[in-house]
N, C-alpha and C. Protein backbone atom coordinates (compact mmCIF):
# COMPACT_ATOMS: atom_id res chain seq x y z
N MET A 1 26.04 65.09 24.75
CA MET A 1 25.91 63.95 25.83
C MET A 1 26.72 64.13 26.82
N ALA A 2 25.96 64.05 28.37
CA ALA A 2 26.72 64.38 29.44
C ALA A 2 27.56 63.10 29.76
N SER A 3 28.62 63.37 30.55
CA SER A 3 29.40 62.39 31.18
C SER A 3 29.00 61.29 31.50
N ALA A 4 27.87 61.42 32.44
CA ALA A 4 27.04 60.02 32.79
C ALA A 4 26.64 59.06 31.88
N GLU A 5 25.97 60.00 30.94
CA GLU A 5 25.21 59.36 29.69
C GLU A 5 26.40 58.71 28.95
N MET A 6 27.61 59.30 28.68
CA MET A 6 28.60 58.78 27.84
C MET A 6 29.14 57.55 28.47
N ASP A 7 29.11 57.57 29.90
CA ASP A 7 29.70 56.34 30.28
C ASP A 7 28.51 55.13 30.26
N SER A 8 27.65 55.36 30.02
CA SER A 8 26.62 54.41 30.14
C SER A 8 26.24 54.16 28.33
N ALA A 9 27.09 54.90 27.40
CA ALA A 9 26.44 54.68 26.25
C ALA A 9 26.79 53.39 25.69
N ASP A 10 26.10 52.81 24.75
CA ASP A 10 26.30 51.50 24.57
C ASP A 10 27.96 51.59 23.61
N PRO A 11 28.60 50.53 24.12
CA PRO A 11 30.33 50.81 23.21
C PRO A 11 29.83 50.05 21.89
N ILE A 12 28.85 49.25 21.50
CA ILE A 12 28.56 49.28 20.11
C ILE A 12 28.27 50.31 19.47
N LEU A 13 27.47 51.28 19.76
CA LEU A 13 27.14 52.17 19.21
C LEU A 13 28.24 53.07 19.18
N ILE A 14 29.23 53.15 19.84
CA ILE A 14 30.19 54.17 19.67
C ILE A 14 31.24 53.79 18.65
N SER A 15 31.38 52.34 18.52
CA SER A 15 32.25 51.51 17.83
C SER A 15 31.62 51.67 16.24
N MET A 16 30.36 51.63 16.09
CA MET A 16 29.77 51.91 14.52
C MET A 16 30.01 53.33 14.33
N LEU A 17 30.03 54.22 15.27
CA LEU A 17 30.15 55.45 14.85
C LEU A 17 31.29 55.85 14.37
N ILE A 18 32.22 55.51 15.27
CA ILE A 18 33.99 55.56 14.62
C ILE A 18 34.27 55.18 13.31
N ILE A 19 33.46 53.38 13.17
CA ILE A 19 33.61 52.95 11.88
C ILE A 19 33.19 53.78 10.69
N SER A 20 31.85 54.18 11.13
CA SER A 20 31.25 55.25 10.09
C SER A 20 31.89 56.13 9.72
N THR A 21 32.73 56.91 10.50
CA THR A 21 33.83 58.30 10.40
C THR A 21 34.64 57.71 9.47
N HIS A 22 35.45 56.50 9.75
CA HIS A 22 36.36 56.18 9.09
C HIS A 22 36.30 55.80 7.67
N VAL A 23 34.92 55.41 7.20
CA VAL A 23 34.46 54.69 6.26
C VAL A 23 34.05 56.01 5.15
N LYS A 24 33.69 57.09 5.95
CA LYS A 24 33.30 58.30 5.19
C LYS A 24 34.65 58.81 5.03
N LEU A 25 35.60 59.11 5.46
CA LEU A 25 36.56 59.60 5.24
C LEU A 25 37.49 58.84 4.10
N ALA A 26 37.63 57.46 4.26
CA ALA A 26 38.17 56.88 3.35
C ALA A 26 37.65 56.98 2.28
N MET A 27 36.18 56.97 1.86
CA MET A 27 35.63 57.50 0.63
C MET A 27 35.81 58.70 0.25
N VAL A 28 35.90 59.65 0.96
CA VAL A 28 36.33 61.07 0.39
C VAL A 28 37.98 60.97 -0.03
N LEU A 29 38.80 60.43 0.81
CA LEU A 29 40.06 60.24 0.16
C LEU A 29 40.10 59.41 -1.27
N GLU A 30 39.57 58.31 -1.29
CA GLU A 30 39.53 57.36 -2.38
C GLU A 30 38.96 58.25 -3.67
N SER A 31 37.92 58.84 -3.18
CA SER A 31 37.58 59.73 -4.53
C SER A 31 38.50 61.03 -4.86
N SER A 32 39.29 61.39 -4.36
CA SER A 32 40.33 62.48 -4.43
C SER A 32 41.44 61.83 -5.09
N VAL A 33 42.09 60.66 -4.98
CA VAL A 33 43.02 60.02 -5.86
C VAL A 33 42.64 59.20 -7.18
N LYS A 34 43.47 59.89 -7.95
CA LYS A 34 43.14 59.03 -9.30
C LYS A 34 43.63 57.99 -9.63
N ASP A 35 43.17 56.77 -10.35
CA ASP A 35 43.56 55.57 -10.89
C ASP A 35 44.78 55.90 -11.81
N ASN A 36 45.71 54.98 -11.51
CA ASN A 36 47.16 55.20 -12.44
C ASN A 36 46.40 55.42 -14.05
N ASP A 37 45.40 54.49 -14.31
CA ASP A 37 45.18 54.48 -15.79
C ASP A 37 44.44 55.94 -16.08
N ASP A 38 44.23 56.89 -15.18
CA ASP A 38 43.80 58.36 -15.49
C ASP A 38 44.93 59.02 -15.45
N MET A 39 46.24 58.57 -15.29
CA MET A 39 47.35 59.71 -15.08
C MET A 39 48.15 59.64 -16.07
N PRO A 40 48.54 60.80 -16.80
CA PRO A 40 49.25 60.83 -18.23
C PRO A 40 50.74 60.38 -17.89
N GLY A 41 51.16 60.59 -16.67
CA GLY A 41 52.49 60.45 -16.23
C GLY A 41 52.77 58.78 -16.36
N HIS A 42 51.95 57.89 -16.00
CA HIS A 42 52.04 56.63 -15.66
C HIS A 42 51.62 56.08 -16.98
N LEU A 43 50.79 56.42 -17.57
CA LEU A 43 50.27 55.74 -19.05
C LEU A 43 51.69 56.11 -20.28
N ALA A 44 52.25 57.55 -19.93
CA ALA A 44 53.65 57.65 -20.65
C ALA A 44 54.49 56.55 -20.43
N ARG A 45 54.82 56.27 -19.11
CA ARG A 45 55.70 55.34 -18.40
C ARG A 45 55.75 54.07 -19.12
N ARG A 46 54.24 53.43 -18.88
CA ARG A 46 53.80 52.21 -19.53
C ARG A 46 54.21 52.31 -20.84
N PHE A 47 53.45 53.05 -21.79
CA PHE A 47 53.95 53.05 -23.25
C PHE A 47 55.61 52.79 -23.14
N GLN A 48 56.25 53.86 -22.91
CA GLN A 48 57.96 53.68 -23.03
C GLN A 48 58.23 52.45 -22.46
N GLN A 49 57.92 51.51 -21.51
CA GLN A 49 58.39 50.31 -21.28
C GLN A 49 58.13 49.33 -22.44
N ILE A 50 56.83 49.45 -23.10
CA ILE A 50 56.35 48.83 -24.03
C ILE A 50 56.96 48.97 -25.17
N ALA A 51 57.21 50.41 -25.50
CA ALA A 51 57.95 50.71 -26.80
C ALA A 51 59.68 50.15 -26.78
N VAL A 52 60.23 49.90 -25.75
CA VAL A 52 61.57 49.66 -25.41
C VAL A 52 61.89 48.06 -25.54
N ALA A 53 60.96 47.37 -25.10
CA ALA A 53 60.60 46.04 -25.02
C ALA A 53 60.44 45.50 -26.49
N VAL A 54 59.39 46.44 -27.02
CA VAL A 54 59.19 45.94 -28.65
C VAL A 54 60.54 46.20 -29.36
N PHE A 55 60.93 47.35 -29.38
CA PHE A 55 62.25 47.69 -29.80
C PHE A 55 63.30 46.72 -30.15
N HIS A 56 63.63 46.31 -28.83
CA HIS A 56 64.77 45.28 -28.59
C HIS A 56 64.48 44.09 -29.09
N ALA A 57 63.04 43.58 -28.87
CA ALA A 57 62.79 42.08 -29.42
C ALA A 57 62.77 42.29 -30.94
N GLU A 58 62.47 43.04 -31.79
CA GLU A 58 62.29 43.17 -33.03
C GLU A 58 63.69 43.20 -33.81
N VAL A 59 64.43 44.16 -32.82
CA VAL A 59 66.09 44.60 -33.42
C VAL A 59 66.84 43.17 -32.93
N ASP A 60 66.90 42.78 -31.91
CA ASP A 60 67.41 41.50 -31.82
C ASP A 60 66.97 40.31 -32.50
N GLN A 61 66.00 40.17 -32.96
CA GLN A 61 65.44 39.15 -33.81
C GLN A 61 66.00 39.33 -35.14
N ALA A 62 66.01 40.52 -35.43
CA ALA A 62 67.16 40.90 -36.84
C ALA A 62 68.60 40.80 -36.65
N GLY A 63 68.98 40.46 -35.87
CA GLY A 63 70.49 40.25 -35.78
C GLY A 63 71.29 41.76 -35.14
N TYR A 64 70.56 42.43 -34.59
CA TYR A 64 71.35 43.76 -34.31
C TYR A 64 71.53 44.00 -32.81
N ASP A 65 72.42 44.88 -32.16
CA ASP A 65 72.77 45.05 -30.77
C ASP A 65 72.71 46.36 -30.78
N LEU A 66 71.65 47.25 -30.96
CA LEU A 66 71.50 48.58 -30.63
C LEU A 66 70.13 48.74 -29.75
N THR A 67 70.46 49.92 -28.90
CA THR A 67 69.29 50.17 -28.27
C THR A 67 68.65 51.33 -28.52
N PRO A 68 67.44 51.90 -28.17
CA PRO A 68 66.54 53.11 -28.94
C PRO A 68 67.65 54.02 -29.01
N VAL A 69 68.03 54.46 -28.00
CA VAL A 69 68.71 55.75 -27.75
C VAL A 69 69.88 55.54 -28.88
N GLN A 70 70.65 54.40 -28.89
CA GLN A 70 71.78 54.12 -29.76
C GLN A 70 71.17 54.08 -31.45
N TYR A 71 69.98 53.83 -31.50
CA TYR A 71 69.53 54.19 -32.85
C TYR A 71 69.23 55.45 -33.16
N ALA A 72 68.46 56.05 -32.34
CA ALA A 72 68.25 57.42 -32.44
C ALA A 72 69.42 58.52 -32.89
N ALA A 73 70.81 58.09 -32.08
CA ALA A 73 71.40 58.71 -32.19
C ALA A 73 72.39 58.72 -33.54
N LEU A 74 72.53 57.37 -33.91
CA LEU A 74 73.23 56.98 -35.22
C LEU A 74 72.03 57.28 -36.20
N ALA A 75 70.97 57.68 -36.26
CA ALA A 75 69.98 58.08 -37.32
C ALA A 75 70.18 59.47 -37.47
N ALA A 76 70.47 60.39 -36.24
CA ALA A 76 70.70 61.92 -36.06
C ALA A 76 72.12 62.19 -36.61
N ILE A 77 72.83 61.41 -36.59
CA ILE A 77 74.06 61.83 -36.97
C ILE A 77 74.24 61.41 -38.66
N SER A 78 73.73 60.28 -38.97
CA SER A 78 73.43 60.22 -40.20
C SER A 78 72.90 61.26 -41.03
N THR A 79 72.11 61.96 -40.69
CA THR A 79 71.37 63.25 -41.10
C THR A 79 71.90 64.41 -41.04
N ASN A 80 73.04 64.47 -40.09
CA ASN A 80 73.57 65.58 -39.67
C ASN A 80 74.93 65.39 -39.15
N PRO A 81 75.66 65.35 -40.30
CA PRO A 81 76.95 64.42 -40.29
C PRO A 81 78.04 65.87 -39.91
N GLY A 82 78.81 65.58 -39.20
CA GLY A 82 79.80 66.57 -38.32
C GLY A 82 79.29 67.37 -37.18
N ILE A 83 77.71 67.01 -36.59
CA ILE A 83 77.44 67.51 -35.54
C ILE A 83 78.43 66.93 -34.23
N ASP A 84 78.28 67.83 -33.28
CA ASP A 84 78.80 67.50 -31.86
C ASP A 84 78.00 67.12 -30.96
N GLN A 85 78.69 66.32 -29.82
CA GLN A 85 77.83 65.40 -29.20
C GLN A 85 76.62 66.37 -28.29
N VAL A 86 76.96 67.83 -27.93
CA VAL A 86 75.88 68.39 -27.46
C VAL A 86 74.55 68.84 -28.18
N THR A 87 75.10 69.10 -29.62
CA THR A 87 73.94 69.10 -30.43
C THR A 87 73.23 67.93 -30.69
N LEU A 88 73.75 66.65 -30.58
CA LEU A 88 73.38 65.64 -30.80
C LEU A 88 72.19 65.57 -29.86
N ALA A 89 72.79 65.63 -28.72
CA ALA A 89 72.06 65.62 -27.23
C ALA A 89 70.67 66.31 -27.36
N GLY A 90 70.74 67.52 -28.11
CA GLY A 90 69.66 68.44 -28.58
C GLY A 90 68.82 67.60 -29.36
N LEU A 91 69.24 67.05 -30.31
CA LEU A 91 68.68 66.59 -31.37
C LEU A 91 67.69 65.44 -31.12
N ILE A 92 68.03 64.71 -30.16
CA ILE A 92 67.17 63.49 -29.71
C ILE A 92 66.86 63.60 -28.33
N ALA A 93 66.76 64.78 -27.85
CA ALA A 93 66.28 64.92 -26.30
C ALA A 93 66.85 64.19 -25.51
N TYR A 94 68.16 63.96 -25.43
CA TYR A 94 68.71 63.28 -24.51
C TYR A 94 69.76 63.99 -23.49
N ASP A 95 69.94 63.55 -22.34
CA ASP A 95 70.78 64.33 -21.30
C ASP A 95 72.03 64.45 -22.05
N ARG A 96 72.66 65.64 -21.71
CA ARG A 96 73.95 66.23 -22.39
C ARG A 96 75.46 65.26 -21.75
N THR A 97 75.03 65.11 -20.15
CA THR A 97 75.67 64.49 -19.48
C THR A 97 76.05 63.23 -20.11
N THR A 98 75.16 62.45 -20.24
CA THR A 98 74.96 60.98 -20.53
C THR A 98 74.87 60.46 -22.07
N ILE A 99 75.30 61.45 -22.86
CA ILE A 99 75.26 61.19 -24.39
C ILE A 99 76.60 60.76 -24.48
N THR A 100 77.51 61.06 -23.88
CA THR A 100 79.10 60.45 -24.09
C THR A 100 79.09 59.09 -24.19
N GLY A 101 78.47 58.42 -23.20
CA GLY A 101 78.35 56.94 -22.98
C GLY A 101 77.85 56.43 -24.30
N VAL A 102 76.67 57.04 -24.74
CA VAL A 102 76.05 56.40 -25.88
C VAL A 102 76.96 56.56 -27.36
N VAL A 103 77.48 57.74 -27.51
CA VAL A 103 78.56 58.01 -28.48
C VAL A 103 79.67 56.81 -28.18
N ASP A 104 80.05 56.93 -27.17
CA ASP A 104 81.24 55.79 -26.72
C ASP A 104 80.94 54.25 -27.10
N ARG A 105 79.78 53.83 -26.90
CA ARG A 105 79.38 52.85 -27.72
C ARG A 105 79.11 52.44 -28.83
N LEU A 106 78.59 53.46 -29.68
CA LEU A 106 78.76 53.41 -31.08
C LEU A 106 80.02 53.50 -31.65
N VAL A 107 81.23 54.28 -30.98
CA VAL A 107 82.41 54.07 -31.37
C VAL A 107 83.08 52.99 -31.44
N GLN A 108 82.82 52.38 -30.32
CA GLN A 108 83.43 50.99 -29.71
C GLN A 108 82.73 49.75 -31.00
N LYS A 109 81.64 50.27 -31.32
CA LYS A 109 81.04 49.06 -32.18
C LYS A 109 81.56 49.29 -33.74
N GLY A 110 82.22 50.49 -33.98
CA GLY A 110 82.71 50.72 -35.13
C GLY A 110 81.74 51.52 -36.14
N LEU A 111 80.44 52.11 -35.27
CA LEU A 111 79.38 52.58 -36.13
C LEU A 111 79.42 53.99 -36.40
N LEU A 112 80.39 54.65 -35.51
CA LEU A 112 80.74 56.48 -35.44
C LEU A 112 82.46 56.29 -35.51
N VAL A 113 82.52 57.54 -35.85
CA VAL A 113 84.17 58.32 -35.67
C VAL A 113 83.82 59.55 -34.99
N ARG A 114 84.81 59.90 -34.08
CA ARG A 114 85.00 61.59 -33.45
C ARG A 114 86.16 61.71 -34.37
N ASN A 115 86.01 62.82 -34.96
CA ASN A 115 86.98 63.62 -35.66
C ASN A 115 87.12 64.84 -34.82
N ALA A 116 88.52 65.55 -34.55
CA ALA A 116 88.73 66.90 -34.00
C ALA A 116 87.84 68.05 -35.16
N SER A 117 86.99 68.76 -34.48
CA SER A 117 86.42 69.80 -35.13
C SER A 117 87.33 70.99 -35.75
N THR A 118 87.01 71.11 -36.84
CA THR A 118 87.65 72.25 -37.61
C THR A 118 87.66 73.78 -36.90
N LYS A 119 86.42 73.90 -36.39
CA LYS A 119 85.94 75.13 -36.09
C LYS A 119 86.28 75.46 -34.65
N ASP A 120 86.11 74.15 -33.76
CA ASP A 120 86.67 74.24 -32.43
C ASP A 120 87.25 73.13 -31.30
N ARG A 121 88.33 73.25 -31.40
CA ARG A 121 89.53 72.48 -31.12
C ARG A 121 89.11 71.76 -29.76
N ARG A 122 88.27 71.95 -28.94
CA ARG A 122 87.73 71.42 -27.95
C ARG A 122 86.32 70.20 -28.43
N ALA A 123 85.96 70.63 -29.36
CA ALA A 123 84.81 69.69 -29.70
C ALA A 123 85.24 68.54 -30.86
N ARG A 124 84.50 67.75 -30.48
CA ARG A 124 84.56 66.51 -31.66
C ARG A 124 83.18 66.41 -32.39
N GLU A 125 83.65 66.11 -33.81
CA GLU A 125 82.84 66.11 -34.81
C GLU A 125 82.73 64.85 -35.01
N LEU A 126 81.02 64.09 -35.25
CA LEU A 126 80.71 62.83 -35.10
C LEU A 126 80.46 62.64 -36.59
N GLN A 127 80.75 61.41 -37.31
CA GLN A 127 80.46 61.02 -38.53
C GLN A 127 80.16 59.20 -38.49
N ILE A 128 79.32 59.12 -39.20
CA ILE A 128 78.81 57.74 -39.30
C ILE A 128 79.69 57.15 -40.26
N THR A 129 80.09 55.45 -39.89
CA THR A 129 81.15 54.77 -40.68
C THR A 129 80.33 54.24 -41.69
N ASP A 130 80.86 53.51 -42.83
CA ASP A 130 80.05 52.64 -43.46
C ASP A 130 79.70 51.57 -42.70
N ASP A 131 80.03 51.01 -41.83
CA ASP A 131 79.21 49.88 -41.03
C ASP A 131 77.75 50.77 -40.16
N GLY A 132 78.10 51.72 -39.99
CA GLY A 132 77.12 52.48 -39.34
C GLY A 132 75.96 52.75 -40.34
N ARG A 133 76.32 53.03 -41.63
CA ARG A 133 75.14 53.16 -42.65
C ARG A 133 74.88 51.95 -42.68
N LYS A 134 75.38 50.59 -43.08
CA LYS A 134 74.95 49.32 -43.40
C LYS A 134 74.17 49.15 -42.24
N THR A 135 74.27 49.15 -40.97
CA THR A 135 73.41 48.82 -39.71
C THR A 135 72.02 49.58 -40.15
N LEU A 136 72.40 51.03 -40.11
CA LEU A 136 71.10 51.56 -40.41
C LEU A 136 70.12 51.24 -41.30
N ASP A 137 71.03 50.68 -42.53
CA ASP A 137 69.80 50.13 -43.41
C ASP A 137 69.35 48.87 -43.14
N GLY A 138 70.17 48.16 -42.61
CA GLY A 138 69.65 46.36 -42.22
C GLY A 138 68.71 46.84 -41.13
N ILE A 139 68.96 47.54 -40.38
CA ILE A 139 67.77 47.85 -39.08
C ILE A 139 66.28 48.18 -39.08
N ALA A 140 66.57 49.22 -40.27
CA ALA A 140 65.30 49.70 -40.77
C ALA A 140 63.95 49.05 -40.74
N PRO A 141 63.96 47.60 -41.45
CA PRO A 141 62.64 46.84 -41.54
C PRO A 141 62.34 46.30 -39.77
N ALA A 142 63.25 46.19 -39.01
CA ALA A 142 62.79 45.68 -37.67
C ALA A 142 62.43 47.08 -36.98
N VAL A 143 62.93 48.12 -37.20
CA VAL A 143 62.39 49.51 -36.60
C VAL A 143 61.16 49.80 -37.05
N GLU A 144 60.75 49.28 -38.22
CA GLU A 144 59.69 49.81 -38.72
C GLU A 144 58.42 49.04 -38.39
N ALA A 145 59.11 47.43 -38.28
CA ALA A 145 57.92 46.52 -37.57
C ALA A 145 57.85 46.73 -35.91
N ALA A 146 58.86 47.24 -35.35
CA ALA A 146 58.79 47.81 -33.91
C ALA A 146 57.44 48.69 -33.66
N GLN A 147 57.64 49.73 -34.66
CA GLN A 147 56.75 51.00 -34.73
C GLN A 147 55.12 50.42 -34.95
N GLU A 148 54.85 49.52 -35.74
CA GLU A 148 53.91 49.13 -36.19
C GLU A 148 53.15 48.32 -34.99
N LEU A 149 54.17 47.48 -34.43
CA LEU A 149 53.86 46.54 -33.05
C LEU A 149 53.26 47.35 -32.03
N MET A 150 54.21 48.23 -31.96
CA MET A 150 53.75 49.22 -30.56
C MET A 150 52.39 49.73 -30.70
N LEU A 151 51.67 50.16 -31.88
CA LEU A 151 50.54 50.78 -32.30
C LEU A 151 49.27 49.71 -32.60
N ARG A 152 49.72 48.23 -32.32
CA ARG A 152 48.71 47.21 -32.77
C ARG A 152 47.62 47.37 -31.46
N GLY A 153 46.28 47.13 -32.14
CA GLY A 153 45.09 47.41 -31.42
C GLY A 153 44.57 48.79 -31.79
N LEU A 154 45.44 49.61 -32.39
CA LEU A 154 44.70 51.11 -32.83
C LEU A 154 44.49 50.70 -34.43
N THR A 155 43.30 51.43 -34.77
CA THR A 155 43.15 51.60 -36.53
C THR A 155 44.22 52.76 -37.03
N ALA A 156 44.52 52.75 -38.19
CA ALA A 156 45.45 53.64 -38.79
C ALA A 156 44.91 55.09 -38.26
N ALA A 157 43.64 55.25 -38.29
CA ALA A 157 42.87 56.57 -37.74
C ALA A 157 43.55 56.76 -36.50
N GLU A 158 43.26 55.87 -35.50
CA GLU A 158 43.69 56.23 -34.10
C GLU A 158 45.27 56.32 -33.76
N ALA A 159 45.97 55.57 -34.68
CA ALA A 159 47.33 56.04 -34.57
C ALA A 159 47.84 57.23 -34.97
N ASP A 160 47.02 57.55 -35.88
CA ASP A 160 47.52 58.95 -36.57
C ASP A 160 47.24 59.93 -35.27
N GLU A 161 45.91 59.81 -34.58
CA GLU A 161 45.49 60.47 -33.80
C GLU A 161 46.62 60.66 -32.54
N LEU A 162 46.84 59.63 -32.24
CA LEU A 162 47.82 59.33 -31.00
C LEU A 162 48.93 60.03 -31.20
N LEU A 163 49.42 59.64 -32.66
CA LEU A 163 50.78 60.76 -32.64
C LEU A 163 50.77 61.75 -32.88
N ARG A 164 49.66 62.46 -33.32
CA ARG A 164 49.41 63.92 -33.24
C ARG A 164 49.08 64.67 -32.11
N LEU A 165 48.40 63.97 -30.97
CA LEU A 165 48.32 64.30 -29.65
C LEU A 165 49.45 64.11 -28.89
N LEU A 166 50.33 63.18 -29.06
CA LEU A 166 51.94 62.99 -28.68
C LEU A 166 52.56 64.21 -28.67
N ARG A 167 53.05 64.30 -29.96
CA ARG A 167 53.50 65.58 -30.58
C ARG A 167 52.94 66.87 -29.87
N LYS A 168 51.73 67.13 -29.65
CA LYS A 168 51.25 68.10 -29.50
C LYS A 168 51.63 68.58 -27.82
N ALA A 169 51.34 67.13 -26.91
CA ALA A 169 51.84 67.07 -25.62
C ALA A 169 53.26 67.58 -25.25
N ILE A 170 53.80 66.95 -26.17
CA ILE A 170 55.38 66.91 -26.16
C ILE A 170 55.65 68.50 -26.34
N ALA A 171 55.20 68.93 -27.45
CA ALA A 171 55.50 70.56 -27.94
C ALA A 171 55.12 71.46 -26.64
N ALA A 172 54.26 71.24 -26.00
CA ALA A 172 53.77 72.13 -24.90
C ALA A 172 54.74 71.96 -23.87
N GLY A 173 55.06 70.57 -23.47
CA GLY A 173 56.04 70.24 -22.31
C GLY A 173 57.54 70.45 -22.72
N ASN A 174 58.06 70.67 -23.94
CA ASN A 174 59.46 70.40 -24.06
C ASN A 174 60.24 70.93 -23.33
N GLU A 175 59.99 72.57 -22.93
CA GLU A 175 60.91 73.03 -21.94
C GLU A 175 60.91 72.77 -20.54
N LEU A 176 59.85 71.76 -20.23
CA LEU A 176 60.05 71.12 -18.83
C LEU A 176 60.52 69.81 -18.71
N SER A 177 61.11 69.53 -19.85
CA SER A 177 61.99 68.26 -19.79
C SER A 177 63.21 68.68 -19.25
N ARG A 178 64.00 67.66 -18.43
CA ARG A 178 65.56 67.72 -18.16
C ARG A 178 66.46 67.80 -19.33
N ALA A 179 65.90 67.19 -20.39
CA ALA A 179 66.49 67.14 -21.95
C ALA A 179 65.66 67.53 -22.96
N PRO A 180 65.28 68.89 -23.09
CA PRO A 180 64.39 69.42 -23.97
C PRO A 180 65.27 69.21 -25.39
N LEU A 181 64.11 68.66 -26.28
CA LEU A 181 64.43 68.67 -27.87
C LEU A 181 65.08 69.94 -28.54
N ARG A 182 65.92 70.22 -29.37
CA ARG A 182 66.42 71.25 -29.90
C ARG A 182 66.80 70.77 -31.35
N GLU A 183 66.73 72.00 -32.02
CA GLU A 183 66.76 71.84 -33.60
C GLU A 183 68.02 72.08 -33.94
N VAL A 184 68.61 71.60 -34.87
CA VAL A 184 70.12 71.76 -35.36
C VAL A 184 70.26 73.12 -35.79
N PRO A 185 71.25 74.00 -35.14
CA PRO A 185 71.38 75.11 -35.37
C PRO A 185 71.99 75.44 -37.01
N GLU A 186 71.41 76.81 -37.68
CA GLU A 186 71.90 76.83 -38.72
C GLU A 186 73.42 77.23 -38.94
N ALA A 187 73.96 76.76 -40.30
CA ALA A 187 75.29 77.30 -40.39
C ALA A 187 75.62 78.62 -39.99
N GLY A 188 77.02 78.28 -39.21
CA GLY A 188 77.43 79.67 -38.79
C GLY A 188 76.95 79.85 -37.08
N GLN A 189 75.85 79.32 -36.98
CA GLN A 189 75.15 79.91 -35.60
C GLN A 189 75.43 79.14 -34.14
N GLY A 190 76.55 77.98 -34.44
CA GLY A 190 76.83 77.56 -33.35
C GLY A 190 76.18 76.38 -32.67
N ARG A 191 76.06 76.18 -31.41
CA ARG A 191 75.40 75.17 -30.81
C ARG A 191 73.94 75.30 -30.80
N PRO A 192 73.11 74.55 -30.31
CA PRO A 192 71.47 74.67 -30.19
C PRO A 192 71.52 75.56 -29.30
N VAL A 193 70.38 76.23 -28.88
CA VAL A 193 70.26 77.47 -28.22
C VAL A 193 69.70 76.33 -26.68
N LYS A 194 69.90 77.12 -25.76
CA LYS A 194 69.62 76.41 -24.27
C LYS A 194 68.16 76.57 -24.02
């Protein structure tokens, strides 16, 4: 279009052309952005929010004061008496720098004790107390109810499939985590591998 023609061009036509271009660009951008409901990270975060809320509701109703991480730590120490905090962090896939606070709170509640390690004087071995065992036994029905409530809306087969797929995805991404899950080292093997 020549300059003289452009000057006399209909301003409405130019506006419509600009709007049309913007609409086309918006449609292209919109189609390239996924809805949150299609993003596994968003869904995992939402499910974690639900899981924590359900856990707290069930445990509080049963008369206990434990967080999901405190419960995981207590259960891990119960089945692995004498482990140190670094090993505990690996077992429950929790950050090594913040596991100290979790253990501190469990000690303050009288559910755990720290003993000097017989193998490494710098390390402390963690042991569950009698109150800790009683708490684990007493809280078990509430924890089980929470697990069932988290999966409501799914058939038993769907729940099994969800758990299978979560385990598969977690195993494939474990090393990408800031706090990867680690196995308990065999006797004489030391701490979990980094």
